[in-house]
Protein backbone atom coordinates (compact mmCIF):
# COMPACT_ATOMS: atom_id res chain seq x y z
CA UNK A 1 8.43 -47.74 -17.14
CA UNK A 2 11.48 -45.79 -16.04
CA UNK A 3 9.64 -42.48 -16.18
CA UNK A 4 10.29 -39.29 -18.09
CA UNK A 5 7.56 -36.94 -16.95
CA UNK A 6 8.66 -33.33 -16.75
CA UNK A 7 8.92 -31.51 -13.41
CA UNK A 8 8.70 -28.29 -15.41
CA UNK A 9 5.31 -29.36 -16.71
CA UNK A 10 4.17 -30.41 -13.23
CA UNK A 11 5.14 -27.01 -11.82
CA UNK A 12 3.03 -25.39 -14.53
CA UNK A 13 0.08 -27.67 -13.76
CA UNK A 14 0.22 -26.87 -10.04
CA UNK A 15 -0.21 -23.19 -10.85
CA UNK A 16 -3.26 -23.83 -13.02
CA UNK A 17 -5.00 -26.97 -11.78
CA UNK A 18 -6.25 -27.83 -8.28
CA UNK A 19 -5.84 -31.55 -9.00
CA UNK A 20 -2.08 -31.24 -8.53
CA UNK A 21 -1.76 -28.72 -5.70
CA UNK A 22 -1.69 -31.41 -3.00
CA UNK A 23 1.81 -32.22 -4.22
CA UNK A 24 3.34 -28.94 -3.13
CA UNK A 25 3.02 -26.66 -0.12
CA UNK A 26 1.70 -23.44 -1.58
CA UNK A 27 3.07 -21.38 1.32
CA UNK A 28 6.61 -22.72 1.58
CA UNK A 29 7.00 -23.84 -2.03
CA UNK A 30 8.31 -27.21 -0.82
CA UNK A 31 7.22 -30.56 -2.22
CA UNK A 32 4.98 -32.50 0.14
CA UNK A 33 6.28 -35.80 1.46
CA UNK A 34 3.92 -38.78 1.53
CA UNK A 35 5.02 -40.31 4.82
CA UNK A 36 3.34 -43.64 4.13
CA UNK A 37 4.81 -44.59 0.76
CA UNK A 38 8.38 -45.60 0.04
CA UNK A 39 9.98 -46.69 -3.18
CA UNK A 40 13.02 -48.70 -4.13
CA UNK A 41 14.10 -48.20 -7.73
CA UNK A 42 16.25 -51.13 -8.81
CA UNK A 43 18.75 -50.97 -5.92
CA UNK A 44 18.06 -47.40 -4.78
CA UNK A 45 15.46 -46.41 -2.22
CA UNK A 46 13.79 -43.62 -0.29
CA UNK A 47 10.51 -41.80 0.20
CA UNK A 48 8.28 -41.44 -2.81
CA UNK A 49 8.39 -37.69 -2.33
CA UNK A 50 11.63 -37.39 -0.43
CA UNK A 51 12.30 -33.85 -1.54
CA UNK A 52 14.93 -31.57 -0.13
CA UNK A 53 17.24 -29.15 -1.82
CA UNK A 54 20.54 -30.62 -3.00
CA UNK A 55 23.48 -29.68 -0.84
CA UNK A 56 27.03 -29.16 -2.04
CA UNK A 57 29.74 -30.98 -0.10
CA UNK A 58 33.33 -29.80 0.52
CA UNK A 59 34.46 -31.31 -2.79
CA UNK A 60 31.84 -29.47 -4.81
CA UNK A 61 29.68 -32.56 -5.36
CA UNK A 62 25.92 -32.53 -5.02
CA UNK A 63 23.97 -35.23 -3.25
CA UNK A 64 20.72 -36.21 -4.97
CA UNK A 65 19.64 -38.91 -2.51
CA UNK A 66 16.75 -36.70 -1.42
CA UNK A 67 15.71 -35.37 -4.80
CA UNK A 68 12.11 -35.21 -5.94
CA UNK A 69 12.73 -37.98 -8.36
CA UNK A 70 15.30 -40.55 -7.49
CA UNK A 71 12.83 -42.96 -9.12
CA UNK A 72 13.64 -41.75 -12.62
CA UNK A 73 17.32 -42.22 -13.41
CA UNK A 74 18.15 -40.16 -10.29
CA UNK A 75 17.16 -37.20 -12.47
CA UNK A 76 15.83 -34.23 -10.45
CA UNK A 77 13.86 -32.97 -13.46
CA UNK A 78 11.91 -36.16 -14.26
CA UNK A 79 9.55 -38.58 -12.55
CA UNK A 80 7.62 -41.74 -13.35
CA UNK A 81 4.14 -43.21 -12.76
CA UNK A 82 5.10 -44.23 -9.21
CA UNK A 83 4.15 -40.69 -8.13
CA UNK A 84 0.48 -41.01 -9.03
CA UNK A 85 0.49 -44.70 -8.12
CA UNK A 86 1.87 -44.10 -4.62
CA UNK A 87 -0.48 -41.26 -3.73
CA UNK A 88 -3.47 -43.22 -5.05
CA UNK A 89 -2.45 -46.37 -3.19
CA UNK A 90 -2.02 -44.40 0.02
CA UNK A 91 -5.48 -42.85 -0.30
CA UNK A 92 -7.05 -46.18 -1.23
CA UNK A 93 -5.73 -48.02 1.83
CA UNK A 94 -6.91 -45.22 4.10
CA UNK A 95 -10.38 -45.35 2.53
CA UNK A 96 -10.59 -49.12 2.84
CA UNK A 97 -9.49 -48.95 6.45
CA UNK A 98 -12.07 -46.31 7.36
CA UNK A 99 -14.84 -48.41 5.80
CA UNK A 100 -13.85 -51.55 7.73
CA UNK A 101 -16.56 -52.33 10.30
CA UNK A 102 -14.08 -54.39 12.31
CA UNK A 103 -11.74 -51.46 12.73
CA UNK A 104 -11.96 -50.29 16.35
CA UNK A 105 -9.06 -47.87 16.18
CA UNK A 106 -9.77 -44.26 17.04
CA UNK A 107 -8.27 -43.13 13.76
CA UNK A 108 -9.42 -43.92 10.24
CA UNK A 109 -5.88 -43.79 8.90
CA UNK A 110 -4.04 -47.01 8.08
CA UNK A 111 -0.40 -46.41 8.97
CA UNK A 112 0.92 -49.62 7.38
CA UNK A 113 3.85 -48.58 5.18
CA UNK A 114 3.60 -49.15 1.44
CA UNK A 115 6.78 -50.14 -0.36
CA UNK A 116 6.98 -49.93 -4.14
CA UNK A 117 9.75 -52.08 -5.58
CA UNK A 118 10.24 -50.48 -8.96
CA UNK A 119 12.28 -52.39 -11.51
CA UNK A 120 12.87 -50.58 -14.79
CA UNK A 121 15.61 -50.12 -17.35
CA UNK A 122 15.68 -48.01 -20.49
CA UNK A 123 15.09 -49.55 -23.92
CA UNK A 124 14.15 -52.98 -22.59
CA UNK A 125 12.00 -55.61 -24.26
CA UNK A 126 10.21 -58.68 -22.98
CA UNK A 127 11.46 -60.81 -25.86
CA UNK A 128 15.12 -60.70 -24.80
CA UNK A 129 15.94 -58.42 -21.84
CA UNK A 130 13.05 -59.54 -19.62
CA UNK A 131 12.67 -62.95 -21.24
CA UNK A 132 11.24 -65.33 -18.60
CA UNK A 133 13.06 -68.62 -18.03
CA UNK A 134 10.19 -70.77 -19.31
CA UNK A 135 10.14 -69.02 -22.69
CA UNK A 136 12.32 -70.39 -25.45
CA UNK A 137 15.30 -68.24 -26.30
CA UNK A 138 14.67 -65.96 -29.25
CA UNK A 139 15.63 -67.53 -32.57
CA UNK A 140 16.31 -64.20 -34.28
CA UNK A 141 19.50 -62.19 -34.21
CA UNK A 142 20.23 -60.65 -30.83
CA UNK A 143 23.07 -60.27 -28.37
CA UNK A 144 23.29 -63.39 -26.23
CA UNK A 145 24.65 -61.49 -23.25
CA UNK A 146 21.34 -59.65 -22.94
CA UNK A 147 19.17 -62.76 -22.71
CA UNK A 148 17.04 -62.42 -19.55
CA UNK A 149 19.53 -59.92 -18.11
CA UNK A 150 16.82 -57.61 -16.79
CA UNK A 151 14.59 -60.45 -15.68
CA UNK A 152 17.42 -61.91 -13.61
CA UNK A 153 18.39 -58.53 -12.17
CA UNK A 154 14.75 -57.81 -11.31
CA UNK A 155 14.24 -61.10 -9.49
CA UNK A 156 17.54 -60.81 -7.63
CA UNK A 157 16.61 -57.30 -6.49
CA UNK A 158 13.11 -58.33 -5.43
CA UNK A 159 14.22 -61.42 -3.53
CA UNK A 160 17.07 -59.61 -1.81
CA UNK A 161 14.82 -56.76 -0.70
CA UNK A 162 12.00 -58.99 0.49
CA UNK A 163 14.41 -61.26 2.37
CA UNK A 164 16.08 -58.34 4.10
CA UNK A 165 13.03 -56.25 4.95
CA UNK A 166 13.32 -57.04 8.65
CA UNK A 167 16.58 -55.07 8.69
CA UNK A 168 15.72 -52.58 5.96
CA UNK A 169 15.06 -49.16 7.46
CA UNK A 170 13.82 -45.92 6.00
CA UNK A 171 13.61 -42.49 7.54
CA UNK A 172 10.55 -40.30 7.71
CA UNK A 173 10.70 -36.53 7.85
CA UNK A 174 10.90 -36.46 11.66
CA UNK A 175 13.77 -38.99 11.63
CA UNK A 176 11.68 -41.84 13.07
CA UNK A 177 12.95 -45.18 11.83
CA UNK A 178 10.46 -47.72 10.52
CA UNK A 179 11.37 -51.41 10.66
CA UNK A 180 9.67 -53.87 8.32
CA UNK A 181 9.36 -57.14 10.22
CA UNK A 182 6.66 -58.66 8.00
CA UNK A 183 5.81 -58.19 4.35
CA UNK A 184 2.75 -58.84 2.24
CA UNK A 185 3.31 -58.92 -1.52
CA UNK A 186 0.17 -57.22 -2.84
CA UNK A 187 0.80 -57.62 -6.54
CA UNK A 188 2.76 -56.70 -9.65
CA UNK A 189 2.14 -53.91 -12.15
CA UNK A 190 3.62 -54.56 -15.61
CA UNK A 191 3.68 -51.42 -17.77
CA UNK A 192 5.98 -52.05 -20.71
CA UNK A 193 5.83 -52.89 -24.39
CA UNK A 194 7.24 -50.18 -26.65
CA UNK A 195 10.52 -51.97 -27.36
CA UNK A 196 8.66 -55.15 -28.35
CA UNK A 197 6.05 -53.23 -30.32
CA UNK A 198 8.54 -51.66 -32.72
CA UNK A 199 9.54 -55.06 -34.14
CA UNK A 200 7.11 -57.48 -35.76
CA UNK A 201 8.93 -60.59 -34.58
CA UNK A 202 8.91 -59.42 -30.96
CA UNK A 203 5.33 -58.17 -30.89
CA UNK A 204 4.06 -61.41 -32.42
CA UNK A 205 5.41 -63.46 -29.50
CA UNK A 206 4.50 -60.98 -26.76
CA UNK A 207 1.44 -62.88 -25.55
CA UNK A 208 3.41 -66.10 -25.14
CA UNK A 209 6.22 -64.35 -23.28
CA UNK A 210 3.89 -62.34 -21.04
CA UNK A 211 2.00 -65.44 -19.90
CA UNK A 212 5.28 -67.16 -19.03
CA UNK A 213 6.50 -63.99 -17.33
CA UNK A 214 3.54 -64.07 -14.93
CA UNK A 215 3.92 -67.79 -14.25
CA UNK A 216 7.65 -67.57 -13.62
CA UNK A 217 7.45 -64.61 -11.24
CA UNK A 218 4.71 -66.30 -9.24
CA UNK A 219 6.77 -69.45 -9.06
CA UNK A 220 9.97 -67.68 -8.01
CA UNK A 221 8.20 -65.60 -5.34
CA UNK A 222 6.17 -68.63 -4.24
CA UNK A 223 2.84 -66.77 -4.51
CA UNK A 224 0.61 -68.91 -6.72
CA UNK A 225 -2.11 -66.34 -7.48
CA UNK A 226 -0.10 -63.15 -7.14
CA UNK A 227 -2.26 -60.39 -8.70
CA UNK A 228 -0.95 -58.77 -11.89
CA UNK A 229 -2.05 -55.51 -13.47
CA UNK A 230 -1.13 -55.25 -17.15
CA UNK A 231 -0.95 -51.68 -18.42
CA UNK A 232 -1.96 -51.32 -22.06
CA UNK A 233 0.49 -50.05 -24.66
CA UNK A 234 -1.25 -46.69 -24.83
CA UNK A 235 0.89 -44.52 -27.09
CA UNK A 236 -1.01 -42.82 -29.94
CA UNK A 237 -4.28 -43.22 -28.08
CA UNK A 238 -7.32 -45.20 -29.07
CA UNK A 239 -7.97 -43.70 -32.50
CA UNK A 240 -5.11 -45.04 -34.57
CA UNK A 241 -5.97 -46.08 -38.11
CA UNK A 242 -4.43 -48.36 -40.72
CA UNK A 243 -3.28 -45.26 -42.61
CA UNK A 244 -1.00 -44.20 -39.77
CA UNK A 245 2.60 -44.22 -40.90
CA UNK A 246 5.83 -44.14 -38.93
CA UNK A 247 8.59 -42.64 -41.03
CA UNK A 248 11.16 -43.24 -38.28
CA UNK A 249 10.83 -47.01 -38.27
CA UNK A 250 11.56 -49.65 -40.87
CA UNK A 251 8.37 -51.48 -39.93
CA UNK A 252 5.76 -48.92 -40.93
CA UNK A 253 2.56 -50.78 -40.11
CA UNK A 254 1.88 -49.14 -36.76
CA UNK A 255 -1.79 -50.02 -36.89
CA UNK A 256 -1.32 -53.79 -37.03
CA UNK A 257 1.53 -53.92 -34.55
CA UNK A 258 -0.32 -51.76 -32.04
CA UNK A 259 -3.43 -53.93 -32.28
CA UNK A 260 -1.35 -57.09 -31.93
CA UNK A 261 0.35 -55.77 -28.80
CA UNK A 262 -2.81 -54.50 -27.13
CA UNK A 263 -4.73 -57.65 -27.96
CA UNK A 264 -1.87 -59.79 -26.67
CA UNK A 265 -1.83 -57.92 -23.38
CA UNK A 266 -5.58 -58.28 -23.00
CA UNK A 267 -5.66 -61.93 -24.06
CA UNK A 268 -3.32 -63.03 -21.30
CA UNK A 269 -5.67 -61.66 -18.63
CA UNK A 270 -8.47 -63.79 -20.10
CA UNK A 271 -6.66 -67.12 -19.75
CA UNK A 272 -8.58 -69.40 -17.35
CA UNK A 273 -5.58 -69.53 -14.99
CA UNK A 274 -5.32 -65.72 -14.95
CA UNK A 275 -8.93 -64.61 -15.28
CA UNK A 276 -9.58 -64.01 -11.57
CA UNK A 277 -6.16 -62.71 -10.59
CA UNK A 278 -4.99 -60.41 -13.40
CA UNK A 279 -6.37 -57.18 -14.80
CA UNK A 280 -5.90 -55.38 -18.12
CA UNK A 281 -5.95 -51.60 -17.70
CA UNK A 282 -6.66 -49.39 -20.71
CA UNK A 283 -4.20 -46.53 -20.83
CA UNK A 284 -4.76 -45.30 -24.39
CA UNK A 285 -7.73 -43.19 -23.30
CA UNK A 286 -5.35 -41.07 -21.20
CA UNK A 287 -2.89 -40.48 -24.01
CA UNK A 288 -2.44 -36.83 -24.91
CA UNK A 289 -0.32 -35.19 -27.57
CA UNK A 290 2.62 -33.06 -26.57
CA UNK A 291 2.08 -29.39 -25.85
CA UNK A 292 3.37 -27.95 -29.11
CA UNK A 293 2.91 -24.35 -27.97
CA UNK A 294 5.16 -24.72 -24.94
CA UNK A 295 7.29 -27.54 -26.24
CA UNK A 296 7.26 -31.29 -26.09
CA UNK A 297 9.05 -32.61 -23.01
CA UNK A 298 10.01 -36.05 -24.36
CA UNK A 299 9.30 -38.50 -27.16
CA UNK A 300 6.06 -40.28 -27.92
CA UNK A 301 7.45 -43.49 -26.39
CA UNK A 302 7.45 -41.64 -23.04
CA UNK A 303 4.02 -40.10 -23.60
CA UNK A 304 5.75 -36.84 -24.53
CA UNK A 305 6.93 -36.44 -20.94
CA UNK A 306 3.61 -34.90 -19.93
CA UNK A 307 3.29 -34.77 -16.15
CA UNK A 308 -0.51 -34.96 -16.23
CA UNK A 309 -0.47 -38.08 -18.39
CA UNK A 310 2.10 -39.93 -16.29
CA UNK A 311 0.36 -39.09 -13.01
CA UNK A 312 -2.99 -40.27 -14.39
CA UNK A 313 -1.42 -43.48 -15.67
CA UNK A 314 0.04 -44.17 -12.24
CA UNK A 315 -3.35 -43.66 -10.63
CA UNK A 316 -5.25 -45.98 -12.95
CA UNK A 317 -2.60 -48.69 -12.64
CA UNK A 318 -3.32 -48.79 -8.91
CA UNK A 319 -5.99 -51.46 -9.37
CA UNK A 320 -4.65 -54.21 -7.13
C-alpha cells in the first residue's frame, strides 16, 4: 500500500487523543524521530520519521529528502502504514529483548536497526503488475508491457538493497553513521488487493496468484519458510451485504467479489505448506468511514485517508 493517510488528520488527532502524542514533541512542535527504524521506499530511503523543515536552495527548489513522509510518493502531506508498523515493531523488539532471560546487557533496549523495504506502486494488481513468474500469464486483455513489471522491479530492489547492505549507510539525528554488515530477513507483509477486487476475472484467480507469489519470493530470496503476513482487503468493513451496490463500477456485485477476495487471502494461509509460516490479519474491523463533517481526505480505496485507520492497520500488520 503506497499510503494516503492525511497529515492534516494526524495533526488533529494529536490535539485530541493521547494515543498519537508520542509522534510529536508537544513543546517544540517537531515530529519525533524513531532512531531505530529506517525505511526504503522502492529506491528511496531514510528514517521512518526523518522530519525536518524543507529548505529552499539558491535556485528556489525545495528539498524533501527529510520530509515527514518520503514513504508516500514523497508527499509531505501523506503517509502510509509503515508509520504505525515501524513504531510497533520498534516497541515489540524492545519488549522481547527486555524479557529475554539470557540478556545480560545493562539496558533493556535492543539497538539492532530495523529496515523496512517498502515496495509499492499506485493502481497495481497481482494478476498482471505483480504477477509471479510461476503463474500463467493472464489470458484476458491487458497490456503486455505491464506483465510482472512491479514484481520484477520489487525483486530487483530487494536483492540490490540486501546485497549492498554492508555499504549502505543511514544517518541518525546526531549524524552517527550506522553500517549494516549483516542482515536478517524477518518476513514479508503483503497488503494489497483493491485493483484485483474491482474485476471479477482478477479476483477469481487471486488465491492461485498469491500462493505462487509467496513461493516465488521465497525461492528468489532463498529463504524457504520466510514468514508472510497477508493483510485482509478491509475496505467497507465487516458488515457488507449482498444489497450493497457500487454505482461507480461496471461490476456491481461488491458483496461476492469482496467475499471471494477475503476468502482467497485467508485460504492461502491455510495451505499445509503455509500453515505454520503465514498469517492472515483481519483489517476490516478497523475500517472507518470518512469524517463527513470535516471532509473526507481520500477515497474509499485508501481507507478515506484517515490517519487513525492507517496507523492502526500498520500496527496490526506487525505480526511477524
